Amino acid sequence: GRDYLDGLHVTWDDTPSGQGPTGSAIRLRATRVVRDVAGDDAMQPWKRAIRAHGFTSSAAVPITHGERVFGALSVYTAAPDI
């Protein structure tokens, strides 16, 4: 699964690369859970890589201090419906 991160492009703007769990968690300052990555249209930019690595669920939690957002902790798993 380590090579999943190679070449991964994630943003937190309104483009398709900002709609996944990590970008949404940062932008919305809220935890984002995707229970079925294959069925979630927001995951489209990463679906090929996700399938290749056997991931089925994802969660991202924003890392904040006060009003400031520093990033997000993202977890992917092969376990369905985390």
PDB file of N, CA and C in Angstrom:
ATOM      1  N   GLY A   1       0.770  -1.192   0.000  1.00  0.00           N
ATOM      2  CA  GLY A   1       0.000   0.000   0.000  1.00  0.00           C
ATOM      3  C   GLY A   1       0.822   1.274   0.000  1.00  0.00           C
ATOM      4  N   ARG A   2       2.119   1.188   0.327  1.00  0.00           N
ATOM      5  CA  ARG A   2       2.930   2.403   0.391  1.00  0.00           C
ATOM      6  C   ARG A   2       2.976   3.143  -0.937  1.00  0.00           C
ATOM      7  N   ASP A   3       3.062   2.419  -2.031  1.00  0.00           N
ATOM      8  CA  ASP A   3       3.179   3.083  -3.323  1.00  0.00           C
ATOM      9  C   ASP A   3       1.877   3.745  -3.767  1.00  0.00           C
ATOM     10  N   TYR A   4       0.797   3.579  -3.012  1.00  0.00           N
ATOM     11  CA  TYR A   4      -0.444   4.287  -3.305  1.00  0.00           C
ATOM     12  C   TYR A   4      -0.201   5.798  -3.269  1.00  0.00           C
ATOM     13  N   LEU A   5       0.660   6.245  -2.402  1.00  0.00           N
ATOM     14  CA  LEU A   5       0.939   7.672  -2.254  1.00  0.00           C
ATOM     15  C   LEU A   5       1.802   8.239  -3.376  1.00  0.00           C
ATOM     16  N   ASP A   6       2.515   7.379  -4.095  1.00  0.00           N
ATOM     17  CA  ASP A   6       3.357   7.837  -5.201  1.00  0.00           C
ATOM     18  C   ASP A   6       2.498   8.473  -6.286  1.00  0.00           C
ATOM     19  N   GLY A   7       2.757   9.721  -6.573  1.00  0.00           N
ATOM     20  CA  GLY A   7       2.026  10.410  -7.631  1.00  0.00           C
ATOM     21  C   GLY A   7       0.618  10.844  -7.254  1.00  0.00           C
ATOM     22  N   LEU A   8       0.223  10.658  -6.005  1.00  0.00           N
ATOM     23  CA  LEU A   8      -1.107  11.048  -5.549  1.00  0.00           C
ATOM     24  C   LEU A   8      -1.218  12.567  -5.521  1.00  0.00           C
ATOM     25  N   HIS A   9      -2.275  13.091  -6.102  1.00  0.00           N
ATOM     26  CA  HIS A   9      -2.498  14.542  -6.124  1.00  0.00           C
ATOM     27  C   HIS A   9      -3.802  14.843  -5.401  1.00  0.00           C
ATOM     28  N   VAL A  10      -3.704  15.513  -4.268  1.00  0.00           N
ATOM     29  CA  VAL A  10      -4.863  15.871  -3.463  1.00  0.00           C
ATOM     30  C   VAL A  10      -4.804  17.363  -3.195  1.00  0.00           C
ATOM     31  N   THR A  11      -5.938  18.021  -3.339  1.00  0.00           N
ATOM     32  CA  THR A  11      -6.046  19.439  -2.999  1.00  0.00           C
ATOM     33  C   THR A  11      -7.208  19.602  -2.020  1.00  0.00           C
ATOM     34  N   TRP A  12      -7.486  20.812  -1.619  1.00  0.00           N
ATOM     35  CA  TRP A  12      -8.648  21.066  -0.769  1.00  0.00           C
ATOM     36  C   TRP A  12      -9.513  22.166  -1.361  1.00  0.00           C
ATOM     37  N   ASP A  13      -9.391  22.336  -2.682  1.00  0.00           N
ATOM     38  CA  ASP A  13     -10.209  23.340  -3.363  1.00  0.00           C
ATOM     39  C   ASP A  13     -11.453  22.682  -3.956  1.00  0.00           C
ATOM     40  N   ASP A  14     -12.153  23.396  -4.839  1.00  0.00           N
ATOM     41  CA  ASP A  14     -13.393  22.892  -5.418  1.00  0.00           C
ATOM     42  C   ASP A  14     -13.196  22.077  -6.687  1.00  0.00           C
ATOM     43  N   THR A  15     -11.948  21.748  -7.029  1.00  0.00           N
ATOM     44  CA  THR A  15     -11.687  20.908  -8.195  1.00  0.00           C
ATOM     45  C   THR A  15     -11.938  19.445  -7.826  1.00  0.00           C
ATOM     46  N   PRO A  16     -12.005  18.540  -8.805  1.00  0.00           N
ATOM     47  CA  PRO A  16     -12.215  17.122  -8.490  1.00  0.00           C
ATOM     48  C   PRO A  16     -11.176  16.555  -7.519  1.00  0.00           C
ATOM     49  N   SER A  17      -9.934  17.019  -7.586  1.00  0.00           N
ATOM     50  CA  SER A  17      -8.899  16.492  -6.685  1.00  0.00           C
ATOM     51  C   SER A  17      -9.049  17.007  -5.249  1.00  0.00           C
ATOM     52  N   GLY A  18     -10.001  17.890  -5.022  1.00  0.00           N
ATOM     53  CA  GLY A  18     -10.257  18.397  -3.676  1.00  0.00           C
ATOM     54  C   GLY A  18     -11.534  17.865  -3.059  1.00  0.00           C
ATOM     55  N   GLN A  19     -12.206  16.935  -3.745  1.00  0.00           N
ATOM     56  CA  GLN A  19     -13.503  16.448  -3.274  1.00  0.00           C
ATOM     57  C   GLN A  19     -13.434  15.152  -2.477  1.00  0.00           C
ATOM     58  N   GLY A  20     -12.282  14.531  -2.422  1.00  0.00           N
ATOM     59  CA  GLY A  20     -12.124  13.292  -1.665  1.00  0.00           C
ATOM     60  C   GLY A  20     -12.139  13.554  -0.169  1.00  0.00           C
ATOM     61  N   PRO A  21     -11.962  12.512   0.625  1.00  0.00           N
ATOM     62  CA  PRO A  21     -12.048  12.676   2.074  1.00  0.00           C
ATOM     63  C   PRO A  21     -10.994  13.614   2.655  1.00  0.00           C
ATOM     64  N   THR A  22      -9.775  13.577   2.163  1.00  0.00           N
ATOM     65  CA  THR A  22      -8.723  14.429   2.716  1.00  0.00           C
ATOM     66  C   THR A  22      -8.990  15.895   2.414  1.00  0.00           C
ATOM     67  N   GLY A  23      -9.235  16.225   1.150  1.00  0.00           N
ATOM     68  CA  GLY A  23      -9.523  17.605   0.777  1.00  0.00           C
ATOM     69  C   GLY A  23     -10.773  18.143   1.445  1.00  0.00           C
ATOM     70  N   SER A  24     -11.804  17.311   1.529  1.00  0.00           N
ATOM     71  CA  SER A  24     -13.048  17.735   2.180  1.00  0.00           C
ATOM     72  C   SER A  24     -12.848  17.965   3.671  1.00  0.00           C
ATOM     73  N   ALA A  25     -12.085  17.092   4.331  1.00  0.00           N
ATOM     74  CA  ALA A  25     -11.836  17.260   5.762  1.00  0.00           C
ATOM     75  C   ALA A  25     -11.129  18.584   6.034  1.00  0.00           C
ATOM     76  N   ILE A  26     -10.161  18.920   5.189  1.00  0.00           N
ATOM     77  CA  ILE A  26      -9.440  20.181   5.359  1.00  0.00           C
ATOM     78  C   ILE A  26     -10.349  21.371   5.068  1.00  0.00           C
ATOM     79  N   ARG A  27     -11.033  21.319   3.941  1.00  0.00           N
ATOM     80  CA  ARG A  27     -11.867  22.439   3.504  1.00  0.00           C
ATOM     81  C   ARG A  27     -13.044  22.683   4.457  1.00  0.00           C
ATOM     82  N   LEU A  28     -13.692  21.609   4.914  1.00  0.00           N
ATOM     83  CA  LEU A  28     -14.889  21.731   5.740  1.00  0.00           C
ATOM     84  C   LEU A  28     -14.601  21.703   7.242  1.00  0.00           C
ATOM     85  N   ARG A  29     -13.327  21.400   7.589  1.00  0.00           N
ATOM     86  CA  ARG A  29     -12.935  21.291   9.001  1.00  0.00           C
ATOM     87  C   ARG A  29     -13.814  20.287   9.737  1.00  0.00           C
ATOM     88  N   ALA A  30     -14.013  19.145   9.090  1.00  0.00           N
ATOM     89  CA  ALA A  30     -14.870  18.099   9.655  1.00  0.00           C
ATOM     90  C   ALA A  30     -14.366  16.731   9.213  1.00  0.00           C
ATOM     91  N   THR A  31     -14.606  15.731  10.025  1.00  0.00           N
ATOM     92  CA  THR A  31     -14.244  14.365   9.670  1.00  0.00           C
ATOM     93  C   THR A  31     -15.050  13.925   8.464  1.00  0.00           C
ATOM     94  N   ARG A  32     -14.394  13.247   7.542  1.00  0.00           N
ATOM     95  CA  ARG A  32     -15.059  12.748   6.332  1.00  0.00           C
ATOM     96  C   ARG A  32     -14.815  11.251   6.261  1.00  0.00           C
ATOM     97  N   VAL A  33     -15.879  10.483   6.171  1.00  0.00           N
ATOM     98  CA  VAL A  33     -15.799   9.023   6.076  1.00  0.00           C
ATOM     99  C   VAL A  33     -16.409   8.590   4.753  1.00  0.00           C
ATOM    100  N   VAL A  34     -15.694   7.748   4.038  1.00  0.00           N
ATOM    101  CA  VAL A  34     -16.197   7.155   2.799  1.00  0.00           C
ATOM    102  C   VAL A  34     -16.260   5.659   3.048  1.00  0.00           C
ATOM    103  N   ARG A  35     -17.455   5.138   3.189  1.00  0.00           N
ATOM    104  CA  ARG A  35     -17.642   3.727   3.521  1.00  0.00           C
ATOM    105  C   ARG A  35     -17.490   2.806   2.317  1.00  0.00           C
ATOM    106  N   ASP A  36     -17.664   3.358   1.124  1.00  0.00           N
ATOM    107  CA  ASP A  36     -17.555   2.565  -0.108  1.00  0.00           C
ATOM    108  C   ASP A  36     -16.866   3.422  -1.163  1.00  0.00           C
ATOM    109  N   VAL A  37     -15.536   3.352  -1.225  1.00  0.00           N
ATOM    110  CA  VAL A  37     -14.804   4.222  -2.142  1.00  0.00           C
ATOM    111  C   VAL A  37     -15.168   3.956  -3.601  1.00  0.00           C
ATOM    112  N   ALA A  38     -15.496   2.712  -3.943  1.00  0.00           N
ATOM    113  CA  ALA A  38     -15.855   2.387  -5.327  1.00  0.00           C
ATOM    114  C   ALA A  38     -17.169   3.042  -5.734  1.00  0.00           C
ATOM    115  N   GLY A  39     -18.073   3.231  -4.788  1.00  0.00           N
ATOM    116  CA  GLY A  39     -19.381   3.793  -5.097  1.00  0.00           C
ATOM    117  C   GLY A  39     -19.501   5.288  -4.878  1.00  0.00           C
ATOM    118  N   ASP A  40     -18.437   5.937  -4.438  1.00  0.00           N
ATOM    119  CA  ASP A  40     -18.479   7.367  -4.144  1.00  0.00           C
ATOM    120  C   ASP A  40     -17.903   8.150  -5.322  1.00  0.00           C
ATOM    121  N   ASP A  41     -18.726   8.945  -5.989  1.00  0.00           N
ATOM    122  CA  ASP A  41     -18.291   9.708  -7.165  1.00  0.00           C
ATOM    123  C   ASP A  41     -17.159  10.683  -6.854  1.00  0.00           C
ATOM    124  N   ALA A  42     -17.085  11.179  -5.615  1.00  0.00           N
ATOM    125  CA  ALA A  42     -16.020  12.114  -5.241  1.00  0.00           C
ATOM    126  C   ALA A  42     -14.648  11.449  -5.285  1.00  0.00           C
ATOM    127  N   MET A  43     -14.611  10.135  -5.281  1.00  0.00           N
ATOM    128  CA  MET A  43     -13.351   9.394  -5.295  1.00  0.00           C
ATOM    129  C   MET A  43     -12.844   9.118  -6.713  1.00  0.00           C
ATOM    130  N   GLN A  44     -13.527   9.594  -7.722  1.00  0.00           N
ATOM    131  CA  GLN A  44     -13.190   9.314  -9.119  1.00  0.00           C
ATOM    132  C   GLN A  44     -11.711   9.518  -9.472  1.00  0.00           C
ATOM    133  N   PRO A  45     -11.062  10.608  -9.065  1.00  0.00           N
ATOM    134  CA  PRO A  45      -9.657  10.793  -9.457  1.00  0.00           C
ATOM    135  C   PRO A  45      -8.707   9.705  -8.947  1.00  0.00           C
ATOM    136  N   TRP A  46      -9.124   8.969  -7.920  1.00  0.00           N
ATOM    137  CA  TRP A  46      -8.227   7.992  -7.287  1.00  0.00           C
ATOM    138  C   TRP A  46      -8.724   6.557  -7.397  1.00  0.00           C
ATOM    139  N   LYS A  47      -9.861   6.326  -8.059  1.00  0.00           N
ATOM    140  CA  LYS A  47     -10.476   4.989  -8.063  1.00  0.00           C
ATOM    141  C   LYS A  47      -9.564   3.901  -8.612  1.00  0.00           C
ATOM    142  N   ARG A  48      -8.848   4.167  -9.659  1.00  0.00           N
ATOM    143  CA  ARG A  48      -7.973   3.147 -10.238  1.00  0.00           C
ATOM    144  C   ARG A  48      -6.905   2.708  -9.236  1.00  0.00           C
ATOM    145  N   ALA A  49      -6.249   3.670  -8.611  1.00  0.00           N
ATOM    146  CA  ALA A  49      -5.209   3.349  -7.628  1.00  0.00           C
ATOM    147  C   ALA A  49      -5.813   2.680  -6.394  1.00  0.00           C
ATOM    148  N   ILE A  50      -6.974   3.139  -5.981  1.00  0.00           N
ATOM    149  CA  ILE A  50      -7.638   2.559  -4.810  1.00  0.00           C
ATOM    150  C   ILE A  50      -7.953   1.091  -5.058  1.00  0.00           C
ATOM    151  N   ARG A  51      -8.531   0.791  -6.217  1.00  0.00           N
ATOM    152  CA  ARG A  51      -8.849  -0.608  -6.551  1.00  0.00           C
ATOM    153  C   ARG A  51      -7.592  -1.457  -6.632  1.00  0.00           C
ATOM    154  N   ALA A  52      -6.537  -0.912  -7.234  1.00  0.00           N
ATOM    155  CA  ALA A  52      -5.291  -1.660  -7.395  1.00  0.00           C
ATOM    156  C   ALA A  52      -4.685  -2.051  -6.045  1.00  0.00           C
ATOM    157  N   HIS A  53      -4.956  -1.268  -5.013  1.00  0.00           N
ATOM    158  CA  HIS A  53      -4.411  -1.557  -3.695  1.00  0.00           C
ATOM    159  C   HIS A  53      -5.411  -2.250  -2.775  1.00  0.00           C
ATOM    160  N   GLY A  54      -6.619  -2.480  -3.253  1.00  0.00           N
ATOM    161  CA  GLY A  54      -7.609  -3.216  -2.470  1.00  0.00           C
ATOM    162  C   GLY A  54      -8.293  -2.429  -1.374  1.00  0.00           C
ATOM    163  N   PHE A  55      -8.210  -1.106  -1.428  1.00  0.00           N
ATOM    164  CA  PHE A  55      -8.878  -0.295  -0.413  1.00  0.00           C
ATOM    165  C   PHE A  55     -10.373  -0.238  -0.694  1.00  0.00           C
ATOM    166  N   THR A  56     -11.179  -0.267   0.367  1.00  0.00           N
ATOM    167  CA  THR A  56     -12.624  -0.180   0.198  1.00  0.00           C
ATOM    168  C   THR A  56     -13.257   0.948   1.003  1.00  0.00           C
ATOM    169  N   SER A  57     -12.573   1.415   2.041  1.00  0.00           N
ATOM    170  CA  SER A  57     -13.100   2.470   2.907  1.00  0.00           C
ATOM    171  C   SER A  57     -11.989   3.473   3.228  1.00  0.00           C
ATOM    172  N   SER A  58     -12.419   4.673   3.597  1.00  0.00           N
ATOM    173  CA  SER A  58     -11.449   5.714   3.927  1.00  0.00           C
ATOM    174  C   SER A  58     -12.055   6.669   4.946  1.00  0.00           C
ATOM    175  N   ALA A  59     -11.187   7.251   5.744  1.00  0.00           N
ATOM    176  CA  ALA A  59     -11.613   8.293   6.678  1.00  0.00           C
ATOM    177  C   ALA A  59     -10.506   9.334   6.756  1.00  0.00           C
ATOM    178  N   ALA A  60     -10.901  10.583   6.916  1.00  0.00           N
ATOM    179  CA  ALA A  60      -9.941  11.677   7.066  1.00  0.00           C
ATOM    180  C   ALA A  60     -10.425  12.596   8.177  1.00  0.00           C
ATOM    181  N   VAL A  61      -9.494  12.974   9.027  1.00  0.00           N
ATOM    182  CA  VAL A  61      -9.783  13.848  10.167  1.00  0.00           C
ATOM    183  C   VAL A  61      -8.903  15.089  10.036  1.00  0.00           C
ATOM    184  N   PRO A  62      -9.499  16.281  10.075  1.00  0.00           N
ATOM    185  CA  PRO A  62      -8.672  17.486   9.964  1.00  0.00           C
ATOM    186  C   PRO A  62      -7.788  17.665  11.195  1.00  0.00           C
ATOM    187  N   ILE A  63      -6.597  18.169  10.970  1.00  0.00           N
ATOM    188  CA  ILE A  63      -5.679  18.500  12.060  1.00  0.00           C
ATOM    189  C   ILE A  63      -5.757  20.008  12.234  1.00  0.00           C
ATOM    190  N   THR A  64      -6.266  20.436  13.368  1.00  0.00           N
ATOM    191  CA  THR A  64      -6.513  21.860  13.596  1.00  0.00           C
ATOM    192  C   THR A  64      -5.931  22.326  14.927  1.00  0.00           C
ATOM    193  N   HIS A  65      -5.778  23.627  15.018  1.00  0.00           N
ATOM    194  CA  HIS A  65      -5.441  24.295  16.273  1.00  0.00           C
ATOM    195  C   HIS A  65      -6.190  25.608  16.241  1.00  0.00           C
ATOM    196  N   GLY A  66      -7.208  25.709  17.067  1.00  0.00           N
ATOM    197  CA  GLY A  66      -8.064  26.882  17.015  1.00  0.00           C
ATOM    198  C   GLY A  66      -8.772  26.924  15.667  1.00  0.00           C
ATOM    199  N   GLU A  67      -8.676  28.028  14.988  1.00  0.00           N
ATOM    200  CA  GLU A  67      -9.305  28.184  13.673  1.00  0.00           C
ATOM    201  C   GLU A  67      -8.396  27.745  12.527  1.00  0.00           C
ATOM    202  N   ARG A  68      -7.168  27.402  12.833  1.00  0.00           N
ATOM    203  CA  ARG A  68      -6.190  27.075  11.799  1.00  0.00           C
ATOM    204  C   ARG A  68      -6.189  25.578  11.482  1.00  0.00           C
ATOM    205  N   VAL A  69      -6.197  25.256  10.201  1.00  0.00           N
ATOM    206  CA  VAL A  69      -6.135  23.868   9.753  1.00  0.00           C
ATOM    207  C   VAL A  69      -4.743  23.613   9.186  1.00  0.00           C
ATOM    208  N   PHE A  70      -4.086  22.588   9.692  1.00  0.00           N
ATOM    209  CA  PHE A  70      -2.727  22.267   9.281  1.00  0.00           C
ATOM    210  C   PHE A  70      -2.665  21.147   8.242  1.00  0.00           C
ATOM    211  N   GLY A  71      -3.709  20.373   8.137  1.00  0.00           N
ATOM    212  CA  GLY A  71      -3.732  19.237   7.223  1.00  0.00           C
ATOM    213  C   GLY A  71      -4.780  18.252   7.676  1.00  0.00           C
ATOM    214  N   ALA A  72      -4.600  16.988   7.294  1.00  0.00           N
ATOM    215  CA  ALA A  72      -5.550  15.951   7.684  1.00  0.00           C
ATOM    216  C   ALA A  72      -4.826  14.627   7.845  1.00  0.00           C
ATOM    217  N   LEU A  73      -5.334  13.815   8.739  1.00  0.00           N
ATOM    218  CA  LEU A  73      -4.879  12.444   8.908  1.00  0.00           C
ATOM    219  C   LEU A  73      -5.840  11.582   8.109  1.00  0.00           C
ATOM    220  N   SER A  74      -5.318  10.860   7.125  1.00  0.00           N
ATOM    221  CA  SER A  74      -6.164  10.022   6.266  1.00  0.00           C
ATOM    222  C   SER A  74      -5.800   8.560   6.450  1.00  0.00           C
ATOM    223  N   VAL A  75      -6.837   7.733   6.519  1.00  0.00           N
ATOM    224  CA  VAL A  75      -6.668   6.299   6.696  1.00  0.00           C
ATOM    225  C   VAL A  75      -7.468   5.582   5.614  1.00  0.00           C
ATOM    226  N   TYR A  76      -6.821   4.634   4.962  1.00  0.00           N
ATOM    227  CA  TYR A  76      -7.492   3.789   3.979  1.00  0.00           C
ATOM    228  C   TYR A  76      -7.411   2.354   4.476  1.00  0.00           C
ATOM    229  N   THR A  77      -8.431   1.567   4.213  1.00  0.00           N
ATOM    230  CA  THR A  77      -8.447   0.195   4.671  1.00  0.00           C
ATOM    231  C   THR A  77      -9.146  -0.720   3.673  1.00  0.00           C
ATOM    232  N   ALA A  78      -8.782  -1.971   3.716  1.00  0.00           N
ATOM    233  CA  ALA A  78      -9.461  -2.977   2.892  1.00  0.00           C
ATOM    234  C   ALA A  78     -10.732  -3.459   3.583  1.00  0.00           C
ATOM    235  N   ALA A  79     -10.894  -3.113   4.855  1.00  0.00           N
ATOM    236  CA  ALA A  79     -12.097  -3.494   5.591  1.00  0.00           C
ATOM    237  C   ALA A  79     -13.266  -2.659   5.099  1.00  0.00           C
ATOM    238  N   PRO A  80     -14.366  -3.293   4.711  1.00  0.00           N
ATOM    239  CA  PRO A  80     -15.506  -2.519   4.234  1.00  0.00           C
ATOM    240  C   PRO A  80     -16.207  -1.766   5.361  1.00  0.00           C
ATOM    241  N   ASP A  81     -16.770  -0.636   5.020  1.00  0.00           N
ATOM    242  CA  ASP A  81     -17.640   0.124   5.910  1.00  0.00           C
ATOM    243  C   ASP A  81     -17.009   0.450   7.260  1.00  0.00           C
ATOM    244  N   ILE A  82     -15.850   1.144   7.233  1.00  0.00           N
ATOM    245  CA  ILE A  82     -15.180   1.474   8.492  1.00  0.00           C
ATOM    246  C   ILE A  82     -16.015   2.424   9.331  1.00  0.00           C
TER     247      ILE A  82
END
